[in-house]
């Protein structure tokens, strides 16, 4: 049971037992740390527009290329200490820092391509583990050879050699963590967040051999088996379907969770090194016609629906309950009707009056995914992220399903 904690939300979502259930979590991934390059970290690309001087855990200026750095040393340090303190009552609970993420993956290609920067990444990681009593590092590189956030003019954010360089970075980190672990009498873990599509698993014509080689240095791979449909697409669709629905046009491309898992297995990654990611959030579309089924599914819509998180188009299960779109009995409210796609094993909501269609995850779909994780012999389940789970309803449902 692996869950991300969003450090940048800690003012509104502090590290407390009410927000972080260390008794049900195996590991909290603290998101996100950055990496230093030329004295700065962040991403100048307009959609991110965040660049700041590098600072280490003590708040001191950091200049070494590749070093792990904080957004806010005081706040991030306090959050990490609060998470680590939970281990006293829950010794099985681990605290790991996640580096990169969608916004801050732009320097990974440079770091992995430089022996000196890789050494700095490794050394700063070991230092950070020991300073805070942490248990490992999660590398969230989105994505090797194919940067998710477009690179600004004149910068390099991706190289054809990224996946081979990633293997070298992981090997060097594994060697250092094993050596430090022998001295500290503990195990330091290395995990990654990995894409669910074929472009990630394969290294061009070379195929998926690279990911099996990378896995040798990792404790496990957290597969981001979600975001298969997004609200900037015109057509409504399930963003985290478990199985294929022949009625979905992207089914042929294998854009559903079980297909993502099978790609890794076919590439030679052992099942117990795979953790399947599930989303504690959903997405909404507006202006979706009813279609032949009268439910707005797989229809050409008018864009993303507003009214979600921060007024946007993201809707978590807890928010849907709070808005009254879902009732206590899991039926639709406020004019919505709840539907279940038996092929995809996915719930969805539709309000015919204004054509709002929402793809989301709920306890029923989590049970299906837990059943799949156990049937395939996978390591476990990961979710993004804790603050989207109002009242820990989703975590309790997933935990119960995984334990049965």
Protein backbone atom coordinates (compact mmCIF):
# COMPACT_ATOMS: atom_id res chain seq x y z
CA UNK A 1 0.00 0.00 0.00
CA UNK A 2 1.92 2.98 -1.35
CA UNK A 3 0.49 6.51 -1.32
CA UNK A 4 1.83 9.89 -2.36
CA UNK A 5 1.76 12.80 0.08
CA UNK A 6 1.66 16.22 -1.68
CA UNK A 7 4.12 18.35 0.24
CA UNK A 8 3.08 21.58 -1.46
CA UNK A 9 -0.43 21.17 0.00
CA UNK A 10 0.71 20.80 3.60
CA UNK A 11 -0.72 24.13 4.78
CA UNK A 12 -4.26 22.94 3.96
CA UNK A 13 -3.46 19.23 4.35
CA UNK A 14 -0.96 18.83 7.21
CA UNK A 15 0.76 15.63 8.25
CA UNK A 16 -1.68 14.29 10.85
CA UNK A 17 -3.13 10.88 11.64
CA UNK A 18 -6.43 12.10 10.19
CA UNK A 19 -4.73 12.75 6.83
CA UNK A 20 -2.02 10.07 6.75
CA UNK A 21 -3.12 6.66 8.05
CA UNK A 22 0.27 5.10 8.75
CA UNK A 23 -1.44 1.98 10.06
CA UNK A 24 -2.82 1.19 6.61
CA UNK A 25 0.08 2.45 4.50
CA UNK A 26 3.23 0.52 3.77
CA UNK A 27 4.95 3.60 2.37
CA UNK A 28 4.35 7.32 1.96
CA UNK A 29 6.07 8.92 -1.03
CA UNK A 30 6.76 12.57 -0.24
CA UNK A 31 6.21 14.61 -3.41
CA UNK A 32 8.25 16.33 -4.70
CA UNK A 33 11.93 17.15 -4.38
CA UNK A 34 13.80 18.70 -7.30
CA UNK A 35 17.28 18.31 -8.71
CA UNK A 36 19.76 21.16 -8.99
CA UNK A 37 21.21 22.29 -12.31
CA UNK A 38 23.41 25.35 -12.70
CA UNK A 39 22.42 26.58 -9.25
CA UNK A 40 18.66 26.48 -9.89
CA UNK A 41 15.80 24.02 -9.86
CA UNK A 42 12.27 24.00 -11.19
CA UNK A 43 11.01 24.47 -14.72
CA UNK A 44 10.79 27.74 -16.68
CA UNK A 45 8.26 26.33 -19.16
CA UNK A 46 5.19 28.64 -19.08
CA UNK A 47 2.76 25.95 -17.87
CA UNK A 48 4.98 25.46 -14.79
CA UNK A 49 6.78 28.82 -14.51
CA UNK A 50 8.70 27.99 -11.36
CA UNK A 51 12.46 28.47 -10.98
CA UNK A 52 14.23 29.00 -7.67
CA UNK A 53 17.76 28.89 -6.27
CA UNK A 54 18.81 25.45 -5.09
CA UNK A 55 18.66 24.91 -1.33
CA UNK A 56 19.59 21.83 0.63
CA UNK A 57 17.85 20.42 3.70
CA UNK A 58 19.46 23.05 5.90
CA UNK A 59 18.24 25.86 3.67
CA UNK A 60 21.79 26.55 2.49
CA UNK A 61 22.59 27.37 -1.14
CA UNK A 62 23.35 24.24 -3.15
CA UNK A 63 25.38 24.40 -6.35
CA UNK A 64 26.23 20.80 -7.24
CA UNK A 65 24.53 19.66 -10.45
CA UNK A 66 22.30 16.67 -9.74
CA UNK A 67 21.90 17.27 -6.00
CA UNK A 68 18.46 16.74 -4.43
CA UNK A 69 16.90 20.02 -3.35
CA UNK A 70 13.80 21.23 -1.53
CA UNK A 71 11.16 23.70 -2.62
CA UNK A 72 11.05 25.02 0.95
CA UNK A 73 13.67 23.60 3.31
CA UNK A 74 11.84 24.58 6.51
CA UNK A 75 8.41 23.36 5.43
CA UNK A 76 9.58 20.21 3.63
CA UNK A 77 11.88 19.33 6.51
CA UNK A 78 9.05 19.72 9.04
CA UNK A 79 6.75 17.57 6.93
CA UNK A 80 9.36 14.82 6.60
CA UNK A 81 10.07 14.82 10.33
CA UNK A 82 6.34 14.56 11.05
CA UNK A 83 6.00 11.61 8.66
CA UNK A 84 9.05 9.84 10.10
CA UNK A 85 7.67 10.35 13.62
CA UNK A 86 4.70 8.16 12.66
CA UNK A 87 7.08 5.21 12.36
CA UNK A 88 7.37 5.06 16.15
CA UNK A 89 3.79 3.76 16.43
CA UNK A 90 3.79 2.00 13.06
CA UNK A 91 7.18 0.33 12.52
CA UNK A 92 6.08 -1.19 9.19
CA UNK A 93 5.51 2.32 7.77
CA UNK A 94 8.22 3.69 5.47
CA UNK A 95 8.87 7.28 4.35
CA UNK A 96 10.44 7.87 0.95
CA UNK A 97 11.12 11.09 -0.95
CA UNK A 98 9.87 11.29 -4.53
CA UNK A 99 12.02 13.33 -6.91
CA UNK A 100 10.80 15.02 -10.08
CA UNK A 101 7.16 14.62 -11.02
CA UNK A 102 5.39 16.10 -14.01
CA UNK A 103 6.64 19.65 -13.39
CA UNK A 104 10.20 18.93 -12.27
CA UNK A 105 11.43 16.14 -14.57
CA UNK A 106 13.11 18.54 -16.99
CA UNK A 107 16.67 18.08 -15.65
CA UNK A 108 16.73 14.29 -15.29
CA UNK A 109 18.12 13.82 -18.79
CA UNK A 110 21.05 16.13 -18.03
CA UNK A 111 21.71 14.52 -14.65
CA UNK A 112 21.60 10.94 -15.92
CA UNK A 113 23.89 11.83 -18.85
CA UNK A 114 26.66 13.16 -16.59
CA UNK A 115 28.82 10.90 -14.40
CA UNK A 116 29.57 13.84 -12.10
CA UNK A 117 25.89 14.81 -11.74
CA UNK A 118 24.87 11.19 -11.14
CA UNK A 119 27.45 11.01 -8.34
CA UNK A 120 26.03 14.18 -6.84
CA UNK A 121 22.48 12.80 -7.03
CA UNK A 122 23.60 9.62 -5.29
CA UNK A 123 25.67 11.34 -2.57
CA UNK A 124 22.94 13.85 -1.74
CA UNK A 125 20.38 11.03 -1.59
CA UNK A 126 22.41 9.09 0.98
CA UNK A 127 22.99 12.26 3.00
CA UNK A 128 19.27 13.04 2.98
CA UNK A 129 18.31 9.51 4.07
CA UNK A 130 20.56 9.74 7.08
CA UNK A 131 19.64 13.31 8.01
CA UNK A 132 15.92 12.58 8.31
CA UNK A 133 15.83 8.83 8.98
CA UNK A 134 14.21 8.18 5.60
CA UNK A 135 13.81 4.83 3.88
CA UNK A 136 14.53 5.50 0.22
CA UNK A 137 14.10 7.48 -2.97
CA UNK A 138 11.37 7.31 -5.60
CA UNK A 139 12.44 8.63 -9.02
CA UNK A 140 9.48 10.12 -10.86
CA UNK A 141 11.04 10.88 -14.27
CA UNK A 142 8.29 11.89 -16.67
CA UNK A 143 9.59 10.67 -19.08
CA UNK A 144 12.95 9.33 -20.29
CA UNK A 145 13.45 10.04 -24.04
CA UNK A 146 10.10 11.88 -24.17
CA UNK A 147 9.69 14.86 -21.83
CA UNK A 148 6.08 15.30 -20.74
CA UNK A 149 6.37 19.06 -20.19
CA UNK A 150 7.75 20.68 -23.37
CA UNK A 151 11.30 21.94 -23.07
CA UNK A 152 11.97 25.68 -23.36
CA UNK A 153 14.05 26.89 -26.30
CA UNK A 154 17.75 26.22 -25.90
CA UNK A 155 17.35 23.63 -23.12
CA UNK A 156 17.71 19.85 -23.29
CA UNK A 157 15.04 17.79 -21.49
CA UNK A 158 15.29 14.44 -23.31
CA UNK A 159 17.87 12.37 -25.18
CA UNK A 160 17.74 9.09 -27.12
CA UNK A 161 20.18 7.69 -24.51
CA UNK A 162 17.93 8.51 -21.53
CA UNK A 163 16.81 4.96 -20.82
CA UNK A 164 20.35 3.55 -20.89
CA UNK A 165 21.49 6.44 -18.71
CA UNK A 166 18.61 5.76 -16.31
CA UNK A 167 19.96 2.23 -15.86
CA UNK A 168 23.40 3.65 -14.93
CA UNK A 169 21.87 6.10 -12.45
CA UNK A 170 19.85 3.36 -10.77
CA UNK A 171 22.85 1.00 -10.59
CA UNK A 172 25.02 3.64 -8.97
CA UNK A 173 22.26 4.57 -6.52
CA UNK A 174 21.69 0.88 -5.68
CA UNK A 175 25.38 0.32 -4.95
CA UNK A 176 25.52 3.36 -2.67
CA UNK A 177 22.27 2.52 -0.88
CA UNK A 178 23.39 -1.06 -0.29
CA UNK A 179 26.71 0.14 1.12
CA UNK A 180 25.00 2.72 3.35
CA UNK A 181 22.43 0.13 4.42
CA UNK A 182 25.14 -2.24 5.59
CA UNK A 183 26.60 0.52 7.74
CA UNK A 184 23.21 1.70 9.02
CA UNK A 185 21.74 -1.80 9.43
CA UNK A 186 18.68 -1.02 7.34
CA UNK A 187 17.45 -1.34 3.78
CA UNK A 188 17.19 1.77 1.61
CA UNK A 189 14.67 1.33 -1.17
CA UNK A 190 14.68 2.60 -4.74
CA UNK A 191 11.39 2.82 -6.60
CA UNK A 192 10.25 4.65 -9.71
CA UNK A 193 6.97 6.01 -11.03
CA UNK A 194 6.64 4.65 -14.56
CA UNK A 195 4.38 5.28 -17.53
CA UNK A 196 1.72 2.76 -18.46
CA UNK A 197 1.98 3.01 -22.24
CA UNK A 198 4.11 1.18 -24.78
CA UNK A 199 6.34 4.21 -25.43
CA UNK A 200 7.62 4.02 -21.86
CA UNK A 201 8.10 0.27 -21.64
CA UNK A 202 9.88 0.01 -25.00
CA UNK A 203 13.12 1.70 -25.96
CA UNK A 204 12.28 2.18 -29.61
CA UNK A 205 13.21 -0.76 -31.79
CA UNK A 206 15.24 -2.24 -28.92
CA UNK A 207 12.00 -3.19 -27.17
CA UNK A 208 11.43 -3.61 -23.45
CA UNK A 209 14.71 -5.19 -22.40
CA UNK A 210 15.85 -1.94 -20.84
CA UNK A 211 13.03 -1.87 -18.28
CA UNK A 212 13.84 -5.39 -17.07
CA UNK A 213 17.48 -4.36 -16.75
CA UNK A 214 16.50 -1.22 -14.84
CA UNK A 215 14.27 -3.27 -12.54
CA UNK A 216 17.29 -5.23 -11.31
CA UNK A 217 18.37 -2.13 -9.35
CA UNK A 218 14.87 -1.29 -8.08
CA UNK A 219 12.75 -2.56 -5.21
CA UNK A 220 9.72 -2.13 -7.41
CA UNK A 221 8.08 -0.09 -10.17
CA UNK A 222 4.98 2.00 -9.47
CA UNK A 223 3.01 1.88 -12.72
CA UNK A 224 0.94 5.02 -13.33
CA UNK A 225 -2.01 3.07 -14.70
CA UNK A 226 -4.29 6.06 -15.12
CA UNK A 227 -4.84 9.21 -17.21
CA UNK A 228 -5.71 7.08 -20.23
CA UNK A 229 -8.38 9.68 -21.07
CA UNK A 230 -8.02 13.35 -20.17
CA UNK A 231 -10.57 16.18 -20.25
CA UNK A 232 -8.70 18.11 -22.92
CA UNK A 233 -9.66 15.30 -25.28
CA UNK A 234 -12.93 15.93 -27.07
CA UNK A 235 -14.31 12.47 -26.37
CA UNK A 236 -15.39 11.35 -22.90
CA UNK A 237 -13.76 8.16 -21.64
CA UNK A 238 -12.61 6.27 -18.55
CA UNK A 239 -9.28 7.56 -17.34
CA UNK A 240 -8.36 4.41 -15.39
CA UNK A 241 -10.30 1.47 -16.82
CA UNK A 242 -9.06 -1.86 -15.49
CA UNK A 243 -9.96 -3.96 -18.53
CA UNK A 244 -10.69 -3.31 -22.20
CA UNK A 245 -14.06 -2.10 -23.36
CA UNK A 246 -14.42 -2.79 -27.10
CA UNK A 247 -16.66 0.27 -27.36
CA UNK A 248 -13.75 2.53 -26.35
CA UNK A 249 -11.76 3.65 -29.42
CA UNK A 250 -8.42 3.51 -27.54
CA UNK A 251 -8.83 -0.13 -26.56
CA UNK A 252 -6.80 -1.20 -29.58
CA UNK A 253 -3.86 0.84 -28.22
CA UNK A 254 -3.97 -1.02 -24.90
CA UNK A 255 -4.77 2.09 -22.88
CA UNK A 256 -6.19 0.45 -19.77
CA UNK A 257 -4.63 -0.65 -16.51
CA UNK A 258 -4.34 -4.41 -16.98
CA UNK A 259 -2.72 -3.90 -20.39
CA UNK A 260 -0.11 -1.67 -18.74
CA UNK A 261 0.73 -4.40 -16.23
CA UNK A 262 0.97 -7.03 -18.94
CA UNK A 263 3.44 -4.89 -20.92
CA UNK A 264 5.85 -4.97 -18.00
CA UNK A 265 5.41 -8.70 -17.46
CA UNK A 266 6.04 -9.41 -21.15
CA UNK A 267 9.17 -7.24 -20.98
CA UNK A 268 10.56 -9.57 -18.31
CA UNK A 269 9.86 -7.64 -15.10
CA UNK A 270 8.93 -10.00 -12.28
CA UNK A 271 5.39 -9.65 -10.92
CA UNK A 272 6.62 -8.96 -7.38
CA UNK A 273 8.49 -5.93 -8.69
CA UNK A 274 5.31 -4.35 -10.04
CA UNK A 275 2.93 -2.10 -8.10
CA UNK A 276 -0.21 -1.02 -9.92
CA UNK A 277 -1.15 2.63 -9.55
CA UNK A 278 -4.75 3.67 -8.96
CA UNK A 279 -6.10 7.24 -8.94
CA UNK A 280 -7.92 8.77 -6.00
CA UNK A 281 -9.34 11.34 -8.41
CA UNK A 282 -11.40 11.58 -11.58
CA UNK A 283 -12.08 13.93 -14.47
CA UNK A 284 -15.17 15.66 -15.80
CA UNK A 285 -16.34 16.66 -19.28
CA UNK A 286 -19.15 19.06 -20.14
CA UNK A 287 -21.61 19.28 -23.00
CA UNK A 288 -21.66 15.53 -23.63
CA UNK A 289 -24.71 14.36 -25.59
CA UNK A 290 -26.52 11.29 -24.21
CA UNK A 291 -25.62 9.07 -27.16
CA UNK A 292 -27.32 5.80 -27.98
CA UNK A 293 -26.91 4.55 -24.41
CA UNK A 294 -28.32 7.72 -22.88
CA UNK A 295 -25.32 7.96 -20.54
CA UNK A 296 -22.85 10.31 -22.28
CA UNK A 297 -20.18 7.63 -22.55
CA UNK A 298 -17.63 7.89 -25.41
CA UNK A 299 -19.30 11.01 -26.80
CA UNK A 300 -17.85 14.15 -28.38
CA UNK A 301 -18.15 16.76 -25.63
CA UNK A 302 -17.51 20.45 -25.14
CA UNK A 303 -14.30 20.26 -23.08
CA UNK A 304 -13.45 19.88 -19.41
CA UNK A 305 -16.16 20.49 -16.81
CA UNK A 306 -15.53 23.13 -14.15
CA UNK A 307 -16.47 22.96 -10.50
CA UNK A 308 -13.89 20.36 -9.48
CA UNK A 309 -10.73 20.77 -7.41
CA UNK A 310 -9.77 24.47 -7.35
CA UNK A 311 -12.58 25.10 -9.84
CA UNK A 312 -11.01 22.80 -12.42
CA UNK A 313 -12.00 19.50 -14.00
CA UNK A 314 -10.56 17.04 -11.43
CA UNK A 315 -13.02 15.27 -9.13
CA UNK A 316 -12.04 12.94 -6.30
CA UNK A 317 -14.46 10.53 -4.69
CA UNK A 318 -14.53 12.60 -1.51
CA UNK A 319 -15.29 15.79 -3.44
CA UNK A 320 -18.08 14.06 -5.36
CA UNK A 321 -19.63 13.06 -2.04
CA UNK A 322 -19.15 16.58 -0.64
CA UNK A 323 -20.79 18.17 -3.70
CA UNK A 324 -23.70 15.75 -3.44
CA UNK A 325 -23.00 14.26 -6.86
CA UNK A 326 -22.77 10.93 -5.03
CA UNK A 327 -25.02 9.99 -2.13
CA UNK A 328 -24.12 7.93 0.94
CA UNK A 329 -25.58 4.93 -0.86
CA UNK A 330 -23.26 5.52 -3.84
CA UNK A 331 -26.16 6.58 -6.07
CA UNK A 332 -26.14 9.75 -8.12
CA UNK A 333 -27.35 13.04 -6.66
CA UNK A 334 -27.82 16.63 -7.82
CA UNK A 335 -29.28 15.37 -11.09
CA UNK A 336 -26.50 12.83 -11.75
CA UNK A 337 -27.03 9.15 -12.40
CA UNK A 338 -24.32 6.65 -11.47
CA UNK A 339 -23.42 4.04 -14.08
CA UNK A 340 -21.09 1.04 -14.06
CA UNK A 341 -19.14 -0.18 -17.08
CA UNK A 342 -18.91 -3.94 -16.56
CA UNK A 343 -16.28 -4.44 -19.25
CA UNK A 344 -13.94 -1.69 -18.01
CA UNK A 345 -14.84 -2.27 -14.31
CA UNK A 346 -15.27 1.48 -13.96
CA UNK A 347 -17.96 3.77 -12.49
CA UNK A 348 -19.08 7.02 -14.08
CA UNK A 349 -21.61 9.79 -13.53
CA UNK A 350 -23.80 11.54 -16.08
CA UNK A 351 -26.18 14.47 -15.78
CA UNK A 352 -28.33 14.74 -18.86
CA UNK A 353 -29.52 18.28 -18.08
CA UNK A 354 -26.16 19.86 -18.88
CA UNK A 355 -24.25 16.90 -20.31
CA UNK A 356 -21.66 16.68 -17.53
CA UNK A 357 -19.87 13.29 -17.60
CA UNK A 358 -17.41 12.26 -14.85
CA UNK A 359 -14.93 9.38 -14.82
CA UNK A 360 -13.78 8.52 -11.31
CA UNK A 361 -12.63 5.76 -8.97
CA UNK A 362 -14.73 4.46 -6.08
CA UNK A 363 -14.63 1.60 -3.53
CA UNK A 364 -16.25 -0.78 -6.04
CA UNK A 365 -13.62 -0.20 -8.72
CA UNK A 366 -10.84 -0.37 -6.12
CA UNK A 367 -12.05 -3.82 -5.09
CA UNK A 368 -11.80 -4.95 -8.70
CA UNK A 369 -8.26 -3.62 -8.97
CA UNK A 370 -7.22 -5.19 -5.67
CA UNK A 371 -8.56 -8.50 -6.93
CA UNK A 372 -6.48 -8.13 -10.10
CA UNK A 373 -3.32 -7.21 -8.14
CA UNK A 374 -3.65 -10.36 -6.04
CA UNK A 375 -4.58 -12.60 -8.97
CA UNK A 376 -1.48 -11.48 -10.88
CA UNK A 377 0.81 -11.81 -7.87
CA UNK A 378 1.86 -8.16 -8.03
CA UNK A 379 3.73 -6.44 -5.20
CA UNK A 380 0.80 -4.19 -4.30
CA UNK A 381 -1.06 -0.98 -5.13
CA UNK A 382 0.00 2.67 -5.28
CA UNK A 383 -2.28 5.68 -5.35
CA UNK A 384 -2.13 9.36 -6.20
CA UNK A 385 -2.71 11.03 -3.77
CA UNK A 386 -3.68 11.33 -0.10
CA UNK A 387 -5.28 14.78 -0.15
CA UNK A 388 -7.80 13.66 -2.80
CA UNK A 389 -9.20 11.10 -0.35
CA UNK A 390 -11.73 12.95 1.79
CA UNK A 391 -12.06 11.18 5.12
CA UNK A 392 -9.72 8.37 4.02
CA UNK A 393 -12.68 6.49 2.55
CA UNK A 394 -10.72 5.32 -0.48
CA UNK A 395 -7.68 4.27 1.51
CA UNK A 396 -9.85 2.22 3.88
CA UNK A 397 -11.64 0.57 0.96
CA UNK A 398 -8.42 -0.27 -0.85
CA UNK A 399 -6.72 -1.49 2.31
CA UNK A 400 -9.64 -3.76 3.16
CA UNK A 401 -9.74 -5.18 -0.35
CA UNK A 402 -5.98 -5.82 -0.39
CA UNK A 403 -6.04 -7.56 3.00
CA UNK A 404 -8.85 -10.02 2.26
